[in-house]
Amino acid sequence: MNALISRLFDSNNLENIDKEILKNIILLHDQLNSLSCTQEYYQMLFNWLNRTFKIHTFKIHTFNIDKNLKNVIFHKGKEFEEDSNNILISQSFSIFSYEMAYISIEADNEEHMQILQQNIALINFLFYLIIPSLKSAIIQQKYEDVKTVDHITGLHNRKYLMEHLKHLLPLAQREQQKVAFLMVGVDHFKAVIDEFDYNIGDKVLIELAKTLQSHIRTSDLVVRLESDEFLVILSNIHSSDDSLIVANKLINSFAKCEVNVNSYTNQVLKKTICVGSTIYPDDSTSIDQLIKNADIALYEARNKGRGKVLAYSKEEESSVDLF
């Protein structure tokens, strides 16, 4: 370990390194290696960074190169701004040939930035040291996620959704917060399968998954329920108007997307989506009922044409014939 430290730190600056922090990094490395639970691993790492360097904003995410999909594994603090000058460090390493993992830290203010910059060598040393165990933790989590992840889009599925809502809704109730449920469906999706094939249909679903994920916060959730239907969960919204604003952004953004149908002829396919929304606890406090409400609203939105959004109302439900 001493030889490794000498190689990584300039010998002229080694005497300026905080030896106590260095010792604690090595201790943390040993503690992380002993953990078998991935969430405990990420939490211990964050707690140490928070305690040692007052880091409040920290994120680990993976990026699937083949599907062009980002998956946030662990996130604490505020949302990262891509053009922020406060992002101190953003390291990456390869897990598989088609996937990369990224670690990002953001300073809270100029004073905090200076503190972190003074300790950048130690922070880099920490990540250099834990990369093998961090890789193992991420790979282990991926095996654990197989049961709750849709294999086509890479999004979570209904099973994960139900577990997520069991924690989210009680928290929203305690904090007196509203949660929006947006049911998203591709307009005339069956026609894509009939005219082309299931591979093109999958491409449409993957493109939609990317669009949905890129237009929500890290604290929100997108799941694929079945066929062409997706559910977006927006936590801590102020009113139903907020959910409709997001829904319209999703509709407008996806309408601009092009799916490559034939690379030789450059033929592309453009599709639209409809969205139905409902609000917890305004419309219901039951998970099953909220999903049903969003589905009813989507059904009615589709009846009004392509690229439509509709908020759930009891008056609409009374006139809907789903069968």
C-alpha atoms as a PDB file:
ATOM      1  CA  MET A   1       0.000   0.000   0.000  1.00  0.00           C
ATOM      2  CA  ASN A   2       2.866   2.401   0.791  1.00  0.00           C
ATOM      3  CA  ALA A   3       4.365   1.760  -2.660  1.00  0.00           C
ATOM      4  CA  LEU A   4       0.968   2.512  -4.237  1.00  0.00           C
ATOM      5  CA  ILE A   5       0.685   5.773  -2.285  1.00  0.00           C
ATOM      6  CA  SER A   6       4.168   6.819  -3.389  1.00  0.00           C
ATOM      7  CA  ARG A   7       3.310   6.128  -7.034  1.00  0.00           C
ATOM      8  CA  LEU A   8       0.031   8.065  -6.950  1.00  0.00           C
ATOM      9  CA  PHE A   9       1.248  11.108  -5.052  1.00  0.00           C
ATOM     10  CA  ASP A  10       4.064  13.405  -6.080  1.00  0.00           C
ATOM     11  CA  SER A  11       6.883  12.795  -3.606  1.00  0.00           C
ATOM     12  CA  ASN A  12       7.348  16.568  -3.250  1.00  0.00           C
ATOM     13  CA  ASN A  13       3.703  16.974  -2.165  1.00  0.00           C
ATOM     14  CA  LEU A  14       3.427  13.826  -0.097  1.00  0.00           C
ATOM     15  CA  GLU A  15       4.403  15.653   3.074  1.00  0.00           C
ATOM     16  CA  ASN A  16       1.483  18.071   2.521  1.00  0.00           C
ATOM     17  CA  ILE A  17      -1.087  15.269   2.353  1.00  0.00           C
ATOM     18  CA  ASP A  18      -3.361  14.967   5.385  1.00  0.00           C
ATOM     19  CA  LYS A  19      -2.095  11.705   6.854  1.00  0.00           C
ATOM     20  CA  GLU A  20      -5.183  11.235   9.008  1.00  0.00           C
ATOM     21  CA  ILE A  21      -7.504  11.387   6.026  1.00  0.00           C
ATOM     22  CA  LEU A  22      -5.183   9.081   4.118  1.00  0.00           C
ATOM     23  CA  LYS A  23      -5.362   6.567   6.955  1.00  0.00           C
ATOM     24  CA  ASN A  24      -9.170   6.857   7.034  1.00  0.00           C
ATOM     25  CA  ILE A  25      -9.361   6.250   3.265  1.00  0.00           C
ATOM     26  CA  ILE A  26      -7.500   2.974   3.666  1.00  0.00           C
ATOM     27  CA  LEU A  27      -9.794   2.042   6.567  1.00  0.00           C
ATOM     28  CA  LEU A  28     -12.873   2.913   4.460  1.00  0.00           C
ATOM     29  CA  HIS A  29     -11.532   0.754   1.635  1.00  0.00           C
ATOM     30  CA  ASP A  30     -11.336  -2.227   3.981  1.00  0.00           C
ATOM     31  CA  GLN A  31     -14.834  -1.580   5.368  1.00  0.00           C
ATOM     32  CA  LEU A  32     -16.379  -1.300   1.889  1.00  0.00           C
ATOM     33  CA  ASN A  33     -14.770  -4.570   0.853  1.00  0.00           C
ATOM     34  CA  SER A  34     -16.496  -6.314   3.754  1.00  0.00           C
ATOM     35  CA  LEU A  35     -20.020  -5.251   2.713  1.00  0.00           C
ATOM     36  CA  SER A  36     -22.311  -7.589   0.796  1.00  0.00           C
ATOM     37  CA  CYS A  37     -25.311  -5.234   0.399  1.00  0.00           C
ATOM     38  CA  THR A  38     -24.904  -2.802  -2.491  1.00  0.00           C
ATOM     39  CA  GLN A  39     -27.066  -0.045  -0.993  1.00  0.00           C
ATOM     40  CA  GLU A  40     -25.071  -0.203   2.250  1.00  0.00           C
ATOM     41  CA  TYR A  41     -21.921   0.144   0.149  1.00  0.00           C
ATOM     42  CA  TYR A  42     -23.128   3.311  -1.603  1.00  0.00           C
ATOM     43  CA  GLN A  43     -24.499   4.776   1.616  1.00  0.00           C
ATOM     44  CA  MET A  44     -21.263   4.171   3.552  1.00  0.00           C
ATOM     45  CA  LEU A  45     -19.247   5.776   0.755  1.00  0.00           C
ATOM     46  CA  PHE A  46     -21.520   8.819   0.699  1.00  0.00           C
ATOM     47  CA  ASN A  47     -21.553   9.146   4.493  1.00  0.00           C
ATOM     48  CA  TRP A  48     -17.755   9.144   4.568  1.00  0.00           C
ATOM     49  CA  LEU A  49     -17.508  11.815   1.839  1.00  0.00           C
ATOM     50  CA  ASN A  50     -20.138  13.887   3.603  1.00  0.00           C
ATOM     51  CA  ARG A  51     -18.391  13.609   6.959  1.00  0.00           C
ATOM     52  CA  THR A  52     -14.858  14.158   5.656  1.00  0.00           C
ATOM     53  CA  PHE A  53     -15.329  16.753   2.901  1.00  0.00           C
ATOM     54  CA  LYS A  54     -18.870  18.053   3.615  1.00  0.00           C
ATOM     55  CA  ILE A  55     -20.043  16.657   0.264  1.00  0.00           C
ATOM     56  CA  HIS A  56     -23.836  16.837  -0.038  1.00  0.00           C
ATOM     57  CA  THR A  57     -24.328  16.253  -3.762  1.00  0.00           C
ATOM     58  CA  PHE A  58     -23.102  12.908  -5.034  1.00  0.00           C
ATOM     59  CA  LYS A  59     -24.199  10.611  -7.844  1.00  0.00           C
ATOM     60  CA  ILE A  60     -23.270   7.221  -9.295  1.00  0.00           C
ATOM     61  CA  HIS A  61     -24.826   6.260 -12.615  1.00  0.00           C
ATOM     62  CA  THR A  62     -24.216   3.880 -15.474  1.00  0.00           C
ATOM     63  CA  PHE A  63     -24.566   4.516 -19.185  1.00  0.00           C
ATOM     64  CA  ASN A  64     -25.495   1.755 -21.618  1.00  0.00           C
ATOM     65  CA  ILE A  65     -23.723   2.544 -24.889  1.00  0.00           C
ATOM     66  CA  ASP A  66     -25.791   0.140 -26.999  1.00  0.00           C
ATOM     67  CA  LYS A  67     -29.157   1.490 -25.839  1.00  0.00           C
ATOM     68  CA  ASN A  68     -27.983   5.048 -25.078  1.00  0.00           C
ATOM     69  CA  LEU A  69     -29.673   4.784 -21.679  1.00  0.00           C
ATOM     70  CA  LYS A  70     -28.563   6.271 -18.374  1.00  0.00           C
ATOM     71  CA  ASN A  71     -29.425   4.543 -15.101  1.00  0.00           C
ATOM     72  CA  VAL A  72     -28.919   6.350 -11.801  1.00  0.00           C
ATOM     73  CA  ILE A  73     -27.734   3.853  -9.201  1.00  0.00           C
ATOM     74  CA  PHE A  74     -27.305   6.168  -6.236  1.00  0.00           C
ATOM     75  CA  HIS A  75     -27.951   9.876  -5.791  1.00  0.00           C
ATOM     76  CA  LYS A  76     -27.813  12.199  -2.815  1.00  0.00           C
ATOM     77  CA  GLY A  77     -28.397  15.944  -2.823  1.00  0.00           C
ATOM     78  CA  LYS A  78     -29.744  18.309  -5.439  1.00  0.00           C
ATOM     79  CA  GLU A  79     -30.055  17.728  -9.160  1.00  0.00           C
ATOM     80  CA  PHE A  80     -26.820  18.076 -11.125  1.00  0.00           C
ATOM     81  CA  GLU A  81     -26.680  20.848 -13.694  1.00  0.00           C
ATOM     82  CA  GLU A  82     -24.740  19.707 -16.759  1.00  0.00           C
ATOM     83  CA  ASP A  83     -23.186  23.135 -17.332  1.00  0.00           C
ATOM     84  CA  SER A  84     -22.452  23.814 -13.664  1.00  0.00           C
ATOM     85  CA  ASN A  85     -18.959  25.029 -12.791  1.00  0.00           C
ATOM     86  CA  ASN A  86     -19.369  23.417  -9.380  1.00  0.00           C
ATOM     87  CA  ILE A  87     -18.917  19.850 -10.587  1.00  0.00           C
ATOM     88  CA  LEU A  88     -15.582  19.083  -9.006  1.00  0.00           C
ATOM     89  CA  ILE A  89     -15.033  15.583 -10.273  1.00  0.00           C
ATOM     90  CA  SER A  90     -16.646  13.242 -12.763  1.00  0.00           C
ATOM     91  CA  GLN A  91     -14.779   9.970 -13.076  1.00  0.00           C
ATOM     92  CA  SER A  92     -15.699   7.079 -15.333  1.00  0.00           C
ATOM     93  CA  PHE A  93     -14.712   3.454 -15.691  1.00  0.00           C
ATOM     94  CA  SER A  94     -15.897   0.532 -17.795  1.00  0.00           C
ATOM     95  CA  ILE A  95     -18.006  -2.256 -16.288  1.00  0.00           C
ATOM     96  CA  PHE A  96     -18.681  -4.199 -19.475  1.00  0.00           C
ATOM     97  CA  SER A  97     -17.681  -3.490 -23.051  1.00  0.00           C
ATOM     98  CA  TYR A  98     -20.982  -1.721 -23.674  1.00  0.00           C
ATOM     99  CA  GLU A  99     -21.440   0.064 -20.368  1.00  0.00           C
ATOM    100  CA  MET A 100     -19.662   2.763 -18.392  1.00  0.00           C
ATOM    101  CA  ALA A 101     -20.060   3.879 -14.782  1.00  0.00           C
ATOM    102  CA  TYR A 102     -19.691   7.509 -13.705  1.00  0.00           C
ATOM    103  CA  ILE A 103     -19.076   9.133 -10.323  1.00  0.00           C
ATOM    104  CA  SER A 104     -19.903  12.839  -9.933  1.00  0.00           C
ATOM    105  CA  ILE A 105     -19.429  15.239  -7.020  1.00  0.00           C
ATOM    106  CA  GLU A 106     -20.677  18.802  -6.907  1.00  0.00           C
ATOM    107  CA  ALA A 107     -19.463  21.570  -4.616  1.00  0.00           C
ATOM    108  CA  ASP A 108     -22.111  23.589  -2.782  1.00  0.00           C
ATOM    109  CA  ASN A 109     -20.428  26.994  -3.103  1.00  0.00           C
ATOM    110  CA  GLU A 110     -17.075  28.663  -3.872  1.00  0.00           C
ATOM    111  CA  GLU A 111     -15.719  28.080  -0.369  1.00  0.00           C
ATOM    112  CA  HIS A 112     -16.636  24.411  -0.551  1.00  0.00           C
ATOM    113  CA  MET A 113     -15.101  24.208  -4.011  1.00  0.00           C
ATOM    114  CA  GLN A 114     -11.793  25.485  -2.618  1.00  0.00           C
ATOM    115  CA  ILE A 115     -11.846  22.898   0.177  1.00  0.00           C
ATOM    116  CA  LEU A 116     -12.452  20.096  -2.307  1.00  0.00           C
ATOM    117  CA  GLN A 117      -9.814  21.345  -4.723  1.00  0.00           C
ATOM    118  CA  GLN A 118      -7.276  21.366  -1.902  1.00  0.00           C
ATOM    119  CA  ASN A 119      -8.088  17.715  -1.290  1.00  0.00           C
ATOM    120  CA  ILE A 120      -8.536  16.604  -4.893  1.00  0.00           C
ATOM    121  CA  ALA A 121      -5.510  14.303  -4.721  1.00  0.00           C
ATOM    122  CA  LEU A 122      -6.994  12.455  -1.753  1.00  0.00           C
ATOM    123  CA  ILE A 123     -10.413  12.201  -3.394  1.00  0.00           C
ATOM    124  CA  ASN A 124      -8.881  10.826  -6.577  1.00  0.00           C
ATOM    125  CA  PHE A 125      -6.864   8.376  -4.513  1.00  0.00           C
ATOM    126  CA  LEU A 126     -10.046   7.196  -2.780  1.00  0.00           C
ATOM    127  CA  PHE A 127     -11.814   6.451  -6.058  1.00  0.00           C
ATOM    128  CA  TYR A 128      -8.707   4.849  -7.543  1.00  0.00           C
ATOM    129  CA  LEU A 129      -8.549   2.571  -4.524  1.00  0.00           C
ATOM    130  CA  ILE A 130     -12.222   1.525  -4.451  1.00  0.00           C
ATOM    131  CA  ILE A 131     -12.831   1.095  -8.200  1.00  0.00           C
ATOM    132  CA  PRO A 132     -12.511  -2.730  -8.056  1.00  0.00           C
ATOM    133  CA  SER A 133     -15.000  -3.062  -5.189  1.00  0.00           C
ATOM    134  CA  LEU A 134     -17.297  -0.422  -6.707  1.00  0.00           C
ATOM    135  CA  LYS A 135     -17.355  -2.367  -9.977  1.00  0.00           C
ATOM    136  CA  SER A 136     -18.260  -5.515  -8.047  1.00  0.00           C
ATOM    137  CA  ALA A 137     -21.053  -3.688  -6.200  1.00  0.00           C
ATOM    138  CA  ILE A 138     -22.557  -2.359  -9.445  1.00  0.00           C
ATOM    139  CA  ILE A 139     -22.343  -5.741 -11.173  1.00  0.00           C
ATOM    140  CA  GLN A 140     -23.958  -7.409  -8.154  1.00  0.00           C
ATOM    141  CA  GLN A 141     -26.762  -4.859  -8.192  1.00  0.00           C
ATOM    142  CA  LYS A 142     -27.375  -5.549 -11.880  1.00  0.00           C
ATOM    143  CA  TYR A 143     -27.874  -9.222 -11.125  1.00  0.00           C
ATOM    144  CA  GLU A 144     -30.243  -8.266  -8.304  1.00  0.00           C
ATOM    145  CA  ASP A 145     -32.138  -5.920 -10.641  1.00  0.00           C
ATOM    146  CA  VAL A 146     -32.823  -8.571 -13.306  1.00  0.00           C
ATOM    147  CA  LYS A 147     -36.134  -9.478 -11.650  1.00  0.00           C
ATOM    148  CA  THR A 148     -37.306  -5.863 -11.590  1.00  0.00           C
ATOM    149  CA  VAL A 149     -35.977  -4.541 -14.905  1.00  0.00           C
ATOM    150  CA  ASP A 150     -37.597  -4.701 -18.350  1.00  0.00           C
ATOM    151  CA  HIS A 151     -35.113  -6.411 -20.675  1.00  0.00           C
ATOM    152  CA  ILE A 152     -36.075  -4.371 -23.757  1.00  0.00           C
ATOM    153  CA  THR A 153     -35.970  -0.792 -22.471  1.00  0.00           C
ATOM    154  CA  GLY A 154     -33.793  -1.189 -19.383  1.00  0.00           C
ATOM    155  CA  LEU A 155     -36.484   0.530 -17.310  1.00  0.00           C
ATOM    156  CA  HIS A 156     -37.892  -0.861 -14.089  1.00  0.00           C
ATOM    157  CA  ASN A 157     -41.047  -2.967 -14.345  1.00  0.00           C
ATOM    158  CA  ARG A 158     -44.349  -3.246 -12.472  1.00  0.00           C
ATOM    159  CA  LYS A 159     -42.847  -5.332  -9.663  1.00  0.00           C
ATOM    160  CA  TYR A 160     -40.324  -2.603  -8.849  1.00  0.00           C
ATOM    161  CA  LEU A 161     -43.025   0.061  -9.175  1.00  0.00           C
ATOM    162  CA  MET A 162     -45.196  -1.502  -6.475  1.00  0.00           C
ATOM    163  CA  GLU A 163     -42.276  -1.699  -4.041  1.00  0.00           C
ATOM    164  CA  HIS A 164     -41.279   1.880  -4.847  1.00  0.00           C
ATOM    165  CA  LEU A 165     -44.792   3.229  -4.242  1.00  0.00           C
ATOM    166  CA  LYS A 166     -45.074   1.426  -0.891  1.00  0.00           C
ATOM    167  CA  HIS A 167     -42.291   3.712   0.341  1.00  0.00           C
ATOM    168  CA  LEU A 168     -43.023   6.835  -1.701  1.00  0.00           C
ATOM    169  CA  LEU A 169     -46.713   7.366  -0.903  1.00  0.00           C
ATOM    170  CA  PRO A 170     -46.447   7.119   2.919  1.00  0.00           C
ATOM    171  CA  LEU A 171     -43.574   9.625   2.741  1.00  0.00           C
ATOM    172  CA  ALA A 172     -45.671  11.932   0.539  1.00  0.00           C
ATOM    173  CA  GLN A 173     -48.515  11.653   3.053  1.00  0.00           C
ATOM    174  CA  ARG A 174     -46.269  12.606   5.977  1.00  0.00           C
ATOM    175  CA  GLU A 175     -44.795  15.522   4.053  1.00  0.00           C
ATOM    176  CA  GLN A 176     -48.226  16.513   2.652  1.00  0.00           C
ATOM    177  CA  GLN A 177     -46.896  16.295  -0.896  1.00  0.00           C
ATOM    178  CA  LYS A 178     -48.641  15.509  -4.155  1.00  0.00           C
ATOM    179  CA  VAL A 179     -47.494  12.765  -6.518  1.00  0.00           C
ATOM    180  CA  ALA A 180     -48.442  12.636 -10.211  1.00  0.00           C
ATOM    181  CA  PHE A 181     -49.060   9.416 -12.133  1.00  0.00           C
ATOM    182  CA  LEU A 182     -48.610   9.839 -15.900  1.00  0.00           C
ATOM    183  CA  MET A 183     -49.713   6.898 -18.035  1.00  0.00           C
ATOM    184  CA  VAL A 184     -47.998   7.077 -21.435  1.00  0.00           C
ATOM    185  CA  GLY A 185     -48.995   5.112 -24.536  1.00  0.00           C
ATOM    186  CA  VAL A 186     -47.757   5.080 -28.141  1.00  0.00           C
ATOM    187  CA  ASP A 187     -50.430   6.093 -30.634  1.00  0.00           C
ATOM    188  CA  HIS A 188     -51.390   3.192 -32.928  1.00  0.00           C
ATOM    189  CA  PHE A 189     -48.477   1.055 -31.765  1.00  0.00           C
ATOM    190  CA  LYS A 190     -49.997  -2.129 -33.224  1.00  0.00           C
ATOM    191  CA  ALA A 191     -49.721  -0.561 -36.674  1.00  0.00           C
ATOM    192  CA  VAL A 192     -45.937  -0.437 -36.256  1.00  0.00           C
ATOM    193  CA  ILE A 193     -45.833  -4.205 -35.663  1.00  0.00           C
ATOM    194  CA  ASP A 194     -48.219  -4.872 -38.556  1.00  0.00           C
ATOM    195  CA  GLU A 195     -46.350  -2.668 -41.036  1.00  0.00           C
ATOM    196  CA  PHE A 196     -42.802  -3.524 -39.928  1.00  0.00           C
ATOM    197  CA  ASP A 197     -41.977  -6.088 -37.224  1.00  0.00           C
ATOM    198  CA  TYR A 198     -41.352  -6.516 -33.492  1.00  0.00           C
ATOM    199  CA  ASN A 199     -37.737  -5.345 -33.810  1.00  0.00           C
ATOM    200  CA  ILE A 200     -38.884  -1.947 -35.066  1.00  0.00           C
ATOM    201  CA  GLY A 201     -41.527  -1.930 -32.342  1.00  0.00           C
ATOM    202  CA  ASP A 202     -38.782  -2.481 -29.768  1.00  0.00           C
ATOM    203  CA  LYS A 203     -36.798   0.406 -31.258  1.00  0.00           C
ATOM    204  CA  VAL A 204     -39.812   2.685 -30.772  1.00  0.00           C
ATOM    205  CA  LEU A 205     -40.130   1.574 -27.138  1.00  0.00           C
ATOM    206  CA  ILE A 206     -36.414   2.110 -26.475  1.00  0.00           C
ATOM    207  CA  GLU A 207     -36.553   5.588 -28.014  1.00  0.00           C
ATOM    208  CA  LEU A 208     -39.594   6.439 -25.896  1.00  0.00           C
ATOM    209  CA  ALA A 209     -37.858   5.143 -22.752  1.00  0.00           C
ATOM    210  CA  LYS A 210     -34.884   7.430 -23.469  1.00  0.00           C
ATOM    211  CA  THR A 211     -37.192  10.412 -24.022  1.00  0.00           C
ATOM    212  CA  LEU A 212     -39.110   9.838 -20.806  1.00  0.00           C
ATOM    213  CA  GLN A 213     -35.960   9.413 -18.725  1.00  0.00           C
ATOM    214  CA  SER A 214     -34.283  12.501 -20.164  1.00  0.00           C
ATOM    215  CA  HIS A 215     -37.194  14.791 -19.236  1.00  0.00           C
ATOM    216  CA  ILE A 216     -37.718  13.914 -15.578  1.00  0.00           C
ATOM    217  CA  ARG A 217     -35.793  14.523 -12.372  1.00  0.00           C
ATOM    218  CA  THR A 218     -33.587  11.904 -10.761  1.00  0.00           C
ATOM    219  CA  SER A 219     -36.095  11.711  -7.914  1.00  0.00           C
ATOM    220  CA  ASP A 220     -38.849  10.684 -10.374  1.00  0.00           C
ATOM    221  CA  LEU A 221     -39.421   7.245 -11.851  1.00  0.00           C
ATOM    222  CA  VAL A 222     -40.265   5.722 -15.243  1.00  0.00           C
ATOM    223  CA  VAL A 223     -41.453   2.119 -15.543  1.00  0.00           C
ATOM    224  CA  ARG A 224     -42.645   0.004 -18.439  1.00  0.00           C
ATOM    225  CA  LEU A 225     -45.925  -1.645 -17.486  1.00  0.00           C
ATOM    226  CA  GLU A 226     -46.795  -3.708 -20.557  1.00  0.00           C
ATOM    227  CA  SER A 227     -46.709  -3.571 -24.364  1.00  0.00           C
ATOM    228  CA  ASP A 228     -46.459   0.145 -25.260  1.00  0.00           C
ATOM    229  CA  GLU A 229     -47.636   1.549 -21.907  1.00  0.00           C
ATOM    230  CA  PHE A 230     -45.271   3.332 -19.533  1.00  0.00           C
ATOM    231  CA  LEU A 231     -45.926   4.986 -16.179  1.00  0.00           C
ATOM    232  CA  VAL A 232     -44.094   8.111 -15.030  1.00  0.00           C
ATOM    233  CA  ILE A 233     -44.155   8.943 -11.307  1.00  0.00           C
ATOM    234  CA  LEU A 234     -43.515  12.612 -10.488  1.00  0.00           C
ATOM    235  CA  SER A 235     -42.892  13.129  -6.786  1.00  0.00           C
ATOM    236  CA  ASN A 236     -43.448  16.352  -4.825  1.00  0.00           C
ATOM    237  CA  ILE A 237     -45.397  18.378  -7.382  1.00  0.00           C
ATOM    238  CA  HIS A 238     -47.373  21.491  -6.467  1.00  0.00           C
ATOM    239  CA  SER A 239     -50.494  20.954  -8.565  1.00  0.00           C
ATOM    240  CA  SER A 240     -51.987  18.967 -11.438  1.00  0.00           C
ATOM    241  CA  ASP A 241     -50.899  21.788 -13.749  1.00  0.00           C
ATOM    242  CA  ASP A 242     -47.266  20.822 -13.099  1.00  0.00           C
ATOM    243  CA  SER A 243     -47.930  17.266 -14.267  1.00  0.00           C
ATOM    244  CA  LEU A 244     -49.641  18.508 -17.427  1.00  0.00           C
ATOM    245  CA  ILE A 245     -46.655  20.731 -18.227  1.00  0.00           C
ATOM    246  CA  VAL A 246     -44.337  17.724 -17.960  1.00  0.00           C
ATOM    247  CA  ALA A 247     -46.747  15.594 -20.009  1.00  0.00           C
ATOM    248  CA  ASN A 248     -46.789  18.125 -22.832  1.00  0.00           C
ATOM    249  CA  LYS A 249     -42.980  18.294 -22.802  1.00  0.00           C
ATOM    250  CA  LEU A 250     -42.861  14.518 -23.170  1.00  0.00           C
ATOM    251  CA  ILE A 251     -45.374  14.576 -26.018  1.00  0.00           C
ATOM    252  CA  ASN A 252     -43.583  17.362 -27.903  1.00  0.00           C
ATOM    253  CA  SER A 253     -40.145  15.852 -27.409  1.00  0.00           C
ATOM    254  CA  PHE A 254     -41.082  12.352 -28.552  1.00  0.00           C
ATOM    255  CA  ALA A 255     -42.864  13.732 -31.619  1.00  0.00           C
ATOM    256  CA  LYS A 256     -39.451  14.961 -32.833  1.00  0.00           C
ATOM    257  CA  CYS A 257     -37.736  11.588 -32.387  1.00  0.00           C
ATOM    258  CA  GLU A 258     -36.852   9.488 -35.406  1.00  0.00           C
ATOM    259  CA  VAL A 259     -36.528   5.705 -35.344  1.00  0.00           C
ATOM    260  CA  ASN A 260     -34.243   4.234 -37.991  1.00  0.00           C
ATOM    261  CA  VAL A 261     -36.266   1.673 -39.940  1.00  0.00           C
ATOM    262  CA  ASN A 262     -33.844   0.959 -42.787  1.00  0.00           C
ATOM    263  CA  SER A 263     -30.220   2.095 -42.630  1.00  0.00           C
ATOM    264  CA  TYR A 264     -29.736   1.461 -46.373  1.00  0.00           C
ATOM    265  CA  THR A 265     -32.635   3.641 -47.530  1.00  0.00           C
ATOM    266  CA  ASN A 266     -32.409   6.040 -44.544  1.00  0.00           C
ATOM    267  CA  GLN A 267     -36.091   5.395 -43.893  1.00  0.00           C
ATOM    268  CA  VAL A 268     -37.168   6.695 -40.480  1.00  0.00           C
ATOM    269  CA  LEU A 269     -40.332   6.359 -38.449  1.00  0.00           C
ATOM    270  CA  LYS A 270     -41.847   9.112 -36.312  1.00  0.00           C
ATOM    271  CA  LYS A 271     -44.521   8.329 -33.726  1.00  0.00           C
ATOM    272  CA  THR A 272     -46.605  10.227 -31.184  1.00  0.00           C
ATOM    273  CA  ILE A 273     -47.781   9.482 -27.666  1.00  0.00           C
ATOM    274  CA  CYS A 274     -50.793  10.271 -25.524  1.00  0.00           C
ATOM    275  CA  VAL A 275     -50.685  10.814 -21.768  1.00  0.00           C
ATOM    276  CA  GLY A 276     -53.269  10.372 -19.021  1.00  0.00           C
ATOM    277  CA  SER A 277     -52.588  11.851 -15.585  1.00  0.00           C
ATOM    278  CA  THR A 278     -53.941  11.485 -12.073  1.00  0.00           C
ATOM    279  CA  ILE A 279     -52.823  12.946  -8.741  1.00  0.00           C
ATOM    280  CA  TYR A 280     -52.196  11.463  -5.302  1.00  0.00           C
ATOM    281  CA  PRO A 281     -53.945  12.132  -2.948  1.00  0.00           C
ATOM    282  CA  ASP A 282     -56.429  14.360  -4.813  1.00  0.00           C
ATOM    283  CA  ASP A 283     -57.897  11.577  -6.982  1.00  0.00           C
ATOM    284  CA  SER A 284     -57.200   8.585  -4.742  1.00  0.00           C
ATOM    285  CA  THR A 285     -54.872   7.199  -2.065  1.00  0.00           C
ATOM    286  CA  SER A 286     -55.021   3.634  -3.417  1.00  0.00           C
ATOM    287  CA  ILE A 287     -52.135   2.517  -5.644  1.00  0.00           C
ATOM    288  CA  ASP A 288     -54.364   0.271  -7.740  1.00  0.00           C
ATOM    289  CA  GLN A 289     -56.971   2.997  -8.144  1.00  0.00           C
ATOM    290  CA  LEU A 290     -54.385   5.616  -9.113  1.00  0.00           C
ATOM    291  CA  ILE A 291     -52.983   3.353 -11.834  1.00  0.00           C
ATOM    292  CA  LYS A 292     -56.541   2.653 -13.013  1.00  0.00           C
ATOM    293  CA  ASN A 293     -57.318   6.397 -13.030  1.00  0.00           C
ATOM    294  CA  ALA A 294     -54.243   7.152 -15.138  1.00  0.00           C
ATOM    295  CA  ASP A 295     -55.174   4.347 -17.524  1.00  0.00           C
ATOM    296  CA  ILE A 296     -58.717   5.714 -17.901  1.00  0.00           C
ATOM    297  CA  ALA A 297     -57.339   9.195 -18.583  1.00  0.00           C
ATOM    298  CA  LEU A 298     -54.974   7.764 -21.212  1.00  0.00           C
ATOM    299  CA  TYR A 299     -57.875   5.899 -22.847  1.00  0.00           C
ATOM    300  CA  GLU A 300     -59.860   9.123 -23.106  1.00  0.00           C
ATOM    301  CA  ALA A 301     -56.844  11.084 -24.353  1.00  0.00           C
ATOM    302  CA  ARG A 302     -56.387   8.541 -27.151  1.00  0.00           C
ATOM    303  CA  ASN A 303     -60.049   8.925 -28.094  1.00  0.00           C
ATOM    304  CA  LYS A 304     -59.401  12.622 -28.696  1.00  0.00           C
ATOM    305  CA  GLY A 305     -56.623  11.969 -31.245  1.00  0.00           C
ATOM    306  CA  ARG A 306     -52.850  11.720 -31.466  1.00  0.00           C
ATOM    307  CA  GLY A 307     -50.453  13.515 -29.123  1.00  0.00           C
ATOM    308  CA  LYS A 308     -53.092  14.388 -26.515  1.00  0.00           C
ATOM    309  CA  VAL A 309     -52.904  14.720 -22.729  1.00  0.00           C
ATOM    310  CA  LEU A 310     -55.842  14.466 -20.351  1.00  0.00           C
ATOM    311  CA  ALA A 311     -56.176  14.735 -16.593  1.00  0.00           C
ATOM    312  CA  TYR A 312     -58.356  12.173 -14.834  1.00  0.00           C
ATOM    313  CA  SER A 313     -61.804  13.242 -13.633  1.00  0.00           C
ATOM    314  CA  LYS A 314     -64.621  11.230 -12.076  1.00  0.00           C
ATOM    315  CA  GLU A 315     -67.006  12.664 -14.657  1.00  0.00           C
ATOM    316  CA  GLU A 316     -64.928  11.167 -17.475  1.00  0.00           C
ATOM    317  CA  GLU A 317     -64.713   7.809 -15.681  1.00  0.00           C
ATOM    318  CA  SER A 318     -68.483   7.517 -15.424  1.00  0.00           C
ATOM    319  CA  SER A 319     -68.782   7.725 -19.211  1.00  0.00           C
ATOM    320  CA  VAL A 320     -65.863   5.440 -20.126  1.00  0.00           C
ATOM    321  CA  ASP A 321     -66.438   1.969 -21.512  1.00  0.00           C
ATOM    322  CA  LEU A 322     -63.086   0.158 -21.350  1.00  0.00           C
ATOM    323  CA  PHE A 323     -64.387  -3.087 -22.870  1.00  0.00           C
END
